């Protein structure tokens, strides 16, 4: 999308070969929104793993619950990650939790705004993953984005 003389949009990077890419059009809020899904088959897996990057609406309207409702019933092993623009306990995250999705981070990690984080609105959320371990790290970066970046490593056991 065009923005202040440049462009921005969604991207997902993978160290595994990407077998399929799906663009999920989300209900619009202040501007058009989509979720970008990639399907990969990690070594030892018989079924694909979906990883979906999102950036939900930032306005105070009732757009975010409608946007996650478009993704809540996805099947298989799925990781949903990105800027939810919603905090723990919000209706947006409750919709996912009620459908069996789980936030991977157990303790609150604030990532917004980048220069002095006071809000936890960026998450990795999963449903249907086999047994795994999870590690994440917030990168102390104040310039690259209005959010602090998060790196995550998911290691699957018995695979």
C-alpha atoms as a PDB file:
ATOM      1  CA  UNK A   1       0.000   0.000   0.000  1.00  0.00           C
ATOM      2  CA  UNK A   2       1.153   3.531  -0.638  1.00  0.00           C
ATOM      3  CA  UNK A   3       2.219   5.510   2.423  1.00  0.00           C
ATOM      4  CA  UNK A   4       3.958   8.891   2.715  1.00  0.00           C
ATOM      5  CA  UNK A   5       5.761   8.558  -0.611  1.00  0.00           C
ATOM      6  CA  UNK A   6       6.676   4.888  -0.106  1.00  0.00           C
ATOM      7  CA  UNK A   7       4.935   1.590   0.335  1.00  0.00           C
ATOM      8  CA  UNK A   8       4.315  -0.946   3.064  1.00  0.00           C
ATOM      9  CA  UNK A   9       2.634  -4.306   3.383  1.00  0.00           C
ATOM     10  CA  UNK A  10       2.923  -7.846   4.721  1.00  0.00           C
ATOM     11  CA  UNK A  11       5.876 -10.239   4.423  1.00  0.00           C
ATOM     12  CA  UNK A  12       6.690 -13.596   5.989  1.00  0.00           C
ATOM     13  CA  UNK A  13      10.211 -15.046   5.897  1.00  0.00           C
ATOM     14  CA  UNK A  14      10.906 -18.773   6.274  1.00  0.00           C
ATOM     15  CA  UNK A  15      13.996 -20.954   6.475  1.00  0.00           C
ATOM     16  CA  UNK A  16      11.834 -23.802   5.121  1.00  0.00           C
ATOM     17  CA  UNK A  17      10.738 -23.996   1.487  1.00  0.00           C
ATOM     18  CA  UNK A  18       7.344 -22.327   1.113  1.00  0.00           C
ATOM     19  CA  UNK A  19       4.881 -24.769  -0.461  1.00  0.00           C
ATOM     20  CA  UNK A  20       1.922 -22.416  -0.694  1.00  0.00           C
ATOM     21  CA  UNK A  21       1.014 -18.770  -0.069  1.00  0.00           C
ATOM     22  CA  UNK A  22      -2.535 -17.681   0.792  1.00  0.00           C
ATOM     23  CA  UNK A  23      -3.706 -14.081   1.139  1.00  0.00           C
ATOM     24  CA  UNK A  24      -6.702 -13.819   3.486  1.00  0.00           C
ATOM     25  CA  UNK A  25      -8.617 -10.599   2.852  1.00  0.00           C
ATOM     26  CA  UNK A  26      -9.809  -9.242   6.208  1.00  0.00           C
ATOM     27  CA  UNK A  27     -12.754  -6.926   6.832  1.00  0.00           C
ATOM     28  CA  UNK A  28     -11.610  -3.359   6.306  1.00  0.00           C
ATOM     29  CA  UNK A  29     -11.229  -0.862   9.098  1.00  0.00           C
ATOM     30  CA  UNK A  30      -9.390   2.431   8.671  1.00  0.00           C
ATOM     31  CA  UNK A  31      -7.592   0.898   5.665  1.00  0.00           C
ATOM     32  CA  UNK A  32      -7.476  -2.418   3.766  1.00  0.00           C
ATOM     33  CA  UNK A  33      -6.140  -5.361   5.802  1.00  0.00           C
ATOM     34  CA  UNK A  34      -5.033  -8.887   4.979  1.00  0.00           C
ATOM     35  CA  UNK A  35      -3.376 -11.843   6.665  1.00  0.00           C
ATOM     36  CA  UNK A  36      -0.517 -13.542   4.815  1.00  0.00           C
ATOM     37  CA  UNK A  37      -0.345 -17.326   5.258  1.00  0.00           C
ATOM     38  CA  UNK A  38       2.536 -19.531   4.210  1.00  0.00           C
ATOM     39  CA  UNK A  39       2.470 -23.309   4.338  1.00  0.00           C
ATOM     40  CA  UNK A  40       5.708 -25.158   5.023  1.00  0.00           C
ATOM     41  CA  UNK A  41       6.463 -28.789   5.771  1.00  0.00           C
ATOM     42  CA  UNK A  42       9.302 -28.968   8.308  1.00  0.00           C
ATOM     43  CA  UNK A  43      11.605 -32.005   8.220  1.00  0.00           C
ATOM     44  CA  UNK A  44       9.893 -35.020   9.763  1.00  0.00           C
ATOM     45  CA  UNK A  45       6.365 -33.660   9.252  1.00  0.00           C
ATOM     46  CA  UNK A  46       3.757 -35.361   7.114  1.00  0.00           C
ATOM     47  CA  UNK A  47       1.291 -32.448   7.174  1.00  0.00           C
ATOM     48  CA  UNK A  48       2.005 -28.765   6.480  1.00  0.00           C
ATOM     49  CA  UNK A  49       2.401 -26.094   9.140  1.00  0.00           C
ATOM     50  CA  UNK A  50       0.707 -22.755   8.490  1.00  0.00           C
ATOM     51  CA  UNK A  51       2.345 -19.542   9.627  1.00  0.00           C
ATOM     52  CA  UNK A  52       0.214 -16.419   9.280  1.00  0.00           C
ATOM     53  CA  UNK A  53       1.448 -12.860   9.579  1.00  0.00           C
ATOM     54  CA  UNK A  54      -1.153 -10.273  10.571  1.00  0.00           C
ATOM     55  CA  UNK A  55      -1.520  -6.565  11.254  1.00  0.00           C
ATOM     56  CA  UNK A  56      -4.992  -5.867  12.611  1.00  0.00           C
ATOM     57  CA  UNK A  57      -6.749  -2.510  12.473  1.00  0.00           C
ATOM     58  CA  UNK A  58      -5.411   0.171  14.819  1.00  0.00           C
ATOM     59  CA  UNK A  59      -8.578   2.241  15.235  1.00  0.00           C
ATOM     60  CA  UNK A  60     -11.001   2.055  18.148  1.00  0.00           C
ATOM     61  CA  UNK A  61     -13.801   0.642  15.999  1.00  0.00           C
ATOM     62  CA  UNK A  62     -15.064  -2.909  16.292  1.00  0.00           C
ATOM     63  CA  UNK A  63     -12.894  -4.056  13.366  1.00  0.00           C
ATOM     64  CA  UNK A  64     -10.332  -6.306  15.111  1.00  0.00           C
ATOM     65  CA  UNK A  65     -12.849  -8.909  16.394  1.00  0.00           C
ATOM     66  CA  UNK A  66     -14.309  -9.151  12.878  1.00  0.00           C
ATOM     67  CA  UNK A  67     -10.817  -9.531  11.432  1.00  0.00           C
ATOM     68  CA  UNK A  68      -9.787 -12.415  13.737  1.00  0.00           C
ATOM     69  CA  UNK A  69     -13.188 -14.050  13.206  1.00  0.00           C
ATOM     70  CA  UNK A  70     -12.106 -14.614   9.580  1.00  0.00           C
ATOM     71  CA  UNK A  71      -9.142 -16.701  10.818  1.00  0.00           C
ATOM     72  CA  UNK A  72     -10.415 -18.377  13.981  1.00  0.00           C
ATOM     73  CA  UNK A  73     -11.591 -21.604  12.312  1.00  0.00           C
ATOM     74  CA  UNK A  74      -8.442 -22.398  10.316  1.00  0.00           C
ATOM     75  CA  UNK A  75      -7.563 -26.099  10.502  1.00  0.00           C
ATOM     76  CA  UNK A  76      -4.304 -27.910  11.147  1.00  0.00           C
ATOM     77  CA  UNK A  77      -1.154 -26.732  12.903  1.00  0.00           C
ATOM     78  CA  UNK A  78      -1.173 -22.921  12.764  1.00  0.00           C
ATOM     79  CA  UNK A  79       0.923 -20.078  14.186  1.00  0.00           C
ATOM     80  CA  UNK A  80      -0.690 -16.637  13.983  1.00  0.00           C
ATOM     81  CA  UNK A  81       1.777 -13.813  14.605  1.00  0.00           C
ATOM     82  CA  UNK A  82       1.996 -10.064  14.380  1.00  0.00           C
ATOM     83  CA  UNK A  83       0.477  -6.805  15.528  1.00  0.00           C
ATOM     84  CA  UNK A  84      -2.947  -7.549  16.973  1.00  0.00           C
ATOM     85  CA  UNK A  85      -3.421  -3.951  18.175  1.00  0.00           C
ATOM     86  CA  UNK A  86      -5.209  -5.583  21.110  1.00  0.00           C
ATOM     87  CA  UNK A  87      -4.029  -6.428  24.611  1.00  0.00           C
ATOM     88  CA  UNK A  88      -4.532  -9.553  26.707  1.00  0.00           C
ATOM     89  CA  UNK A  89      -8.100  -9.712  27.937  1.00  0.00           C
ATOM     90  CA  UNK A  90      -9.443  -7.864  24.900  1.00  0.00           C
ATOM     91  CA  UNK A  91     -12.457  -9.181  23.013  1.00  0.00           C
ATOM     92  CA  UNK A  92     -10.178  -9.790  20.020  1.00  0.00           C
ATOM     93  CA  UNK A  93      -7.906 -12.193  21.909  1.00  0.00           C
ATOM     94  CA  UNK A  94     -10.863 -13.711  23.784  1.00  0.00           C
ATOM     95  CA  UNK A  95     -12.381 -14.807  20.448  1.00  0.00           C
ATOM     96  CA  UNK A  96      -9.184 -16.699  19.675  1.00  0.00           C
ATOM     97  CA  UNK A  97      -8.831 -18.116  23.199  1.00  0.00           C
ATOM     98  CA  UNK A  98     -12.416 -19.371  23.213  1.00  0.00           C
ATOM     99  CA  UNK A  99     -11.665 -21.260  19.984  1.00  0.00           C
ATOM    100  CA  UNK A 100      -8.626 -23.019  21.472  1.00  0.00           C
ATOM    101  CA  UNK A 101      -5.848 -20.664  20.368  1.00  0.00           C
ATOM    102  CA  UNK A 102      -3.046 -20.094  22.900  1.00  0.00           C
ATOM    103  CA  UNK A 103      -0.693 -17.125  23.313  1.00  0.00           C
ATOM    104  CA  UNK A 104       2.808 -18.580  23.304  1.00  0.00           C
ATOM    105  CA  UNK A 105       4.264 -15.969  25.669  1.00  0.00           C
ATOM    106  CA  UNK A 106       3.444 -16.636  29.316  1.00  0.00           C
ATOM    107  CA  UNK A 107       4.624 -13.320  30.739  1.00  0.00           C
ATOM    108  CA  UNK A 108       3.720  -9.853  29.508  1.00  0.00           C
ATOM    109  CA  UNK A 109       6.250  -8.356  27.105  1.00  0.00           C
ATOM    110  CA  UNK A 110       5.594  -4.784  26.067  1.00  0.00           C
ATOM    111  CA  UNK A 111       6.649  -3.861  22.523  1.00  0.00           C
ATOM    112  CA  UNK A 112       4.751  -0.667  21.659  1.00  0.00           C
ATOM    113  CA  UNK A 113       5.662   2.130  21.200  1.00  0.00           C
ATOM    114  CA  UNK A 114       9.233   1.211  20.273  1.00  0.00           C
ATOM    115  CA  UNK A 115      10.897   4.171  22.011  1.00  0.00           C
ATOM    116  CA  UNK A 116       9.288   3.419  25.401  1.00  0.00           C
ATOM    117  CA  UNK A 117       7.079   0.300  25.292  1.00  0.00           C
ATOM    118  CA  UNK A 118       3.963   0.469  27.466  1.00  0.00           C
ATOM    119  CA  UNK A 119       1.615  -1.930  25.599  1.00  0.00           C
ATOM    120  CA  UNK A 120       1.661  -5.660  24.861  1.00  0.00           C
ATOM    121  CA  UNK A 121      -0.098  -5.932  21.484  1.00  0.00           C
ATOM    122  CA  UNK A 122       2.297  -8.111  19.443  1.00  0.00           C
ATOM    123  CA  UNK A 123       1.869 -11.857  19.841  1.00  0.00           C
ATOM    124  CA  UNK A 124       2.654 -15.337  18.593  1.00  0.00           C
ATOM    125  CA  UNK A 125      -0.494 -17.453  19.015  1.00  0.00           C
ATOM    126  CA  UNK A 126      -0.889 -21.136  18.131  1.00  0.00           C
ATOM    127  CA  UNK A 127      -3.438 -23.859  17.721  1.00  0.00           C
ATOM    128  CA  UNK A 128      -2.902 -27.490  16.781  1.00  0.00           C
ATOM    129  CA  UNK A 129       0.867 -27.644  17.199  1.00  0.00           C
ATOM    130  CA  UNK A 130       2.399 -30.910  18.381  1.00  0.00           C
ATOM    131  CA  UNK A 131       4.495 -30.865  21.555  1.00  0.00           C
ATOM    132  CA  UNK A 132       7.045 -28.039  21.362  1.00  0.00           C
ATOM    133  CA  UNK A 133       9.311 -25.623  23.205  1.00  0.00           C
ATOM    134  CA  UNK A 134       9.167 -21.877  22.619  1.00  0.00           C
ATOM    135  CA  UNK A 135      11.700 -19.094  23.046  1.00  0.00           C
ATOM    136  CA  UNK A 136      11.325 -15.471  22.074  1.00  0.00           C
ATOM    137  CA  UNK A 137      13.350 -12.326  22.377  1.00  0.00           C
ATOM    138  CA  UNK A 138      12.361  -8.696  22.010  1.00  0.00           C
ATOM    139  CA  UNK A 139      15.002  -6.767  20.119  1.00  0.00           C
ATOM    140  CA  UNK A 140      15.901  -3.408  21.657  1.00  0.00           C
ATOM    141  CA  UNK A 141      15.356  -1.497  18.407  1.00  0.00           C
ATOM    142  CA  UNK A 142      13.732   1.944  18.448  1.00  0.00           C
ATOM    143  CA  UNK A 143      14.048   3.106  14.834  1.00  0.00           C
ATOM    144  CA  UNK A 144      13.073   0.320  12.399  1.00  0.00           C
ATOM    145  CA  UNK A 145       9.387   0.338  13.349  1.00  0.00           C
ATOM    146  CA  UNK A 146       6.919   1.859  15.760  1.00  0.00           C
ATOM    147  CA  UNK A 147       6.992  -1.569  17.512  1.00  0.00           C
ATOM    148  CA  UNK A 148       9.957  -3.438  18.930  1.00  0.00           C
ATOM    149  CA  UNK A 149      10.679  -6.531  16.818  1.00  0.00           C
ATOM    150  CA  UNK A 150      10.254 -10.004  18.308  1.00  0.00           C
ATOM    151  CA  UNK A 151      12.184 -13.084  17.237  1.00  0.00           C
ATOM    152  CA  UNK A 152      10.754 -16.473  18.116  1.00  0.00           C
ATOM    153  CA  UNK A 153      12.012 -20.036  17.888  1.00  0.00           C
ATOM    154  CA  UNK A 154       9.617 -22.956  18.077  1.00  0.00           C
ATOM    155  CA  UNK A 155      11.281 -26.370  18.437  1.00  0.00           C
ATOM    156  CA  UNK A 156       9.102 -29.417  17.957  1.00  0.00           C
ATOM    157  CA  UNK A 157       9.689 -32.427  20.170  1.00  0.00           C
ATOM    158  CA  UNK A 158       9.488 -35.990  18.836  1.00  0.00           C
ATOM    159  CA  UNK A 159       9.632 -34.778  15.237  1.00  0.00           C
END
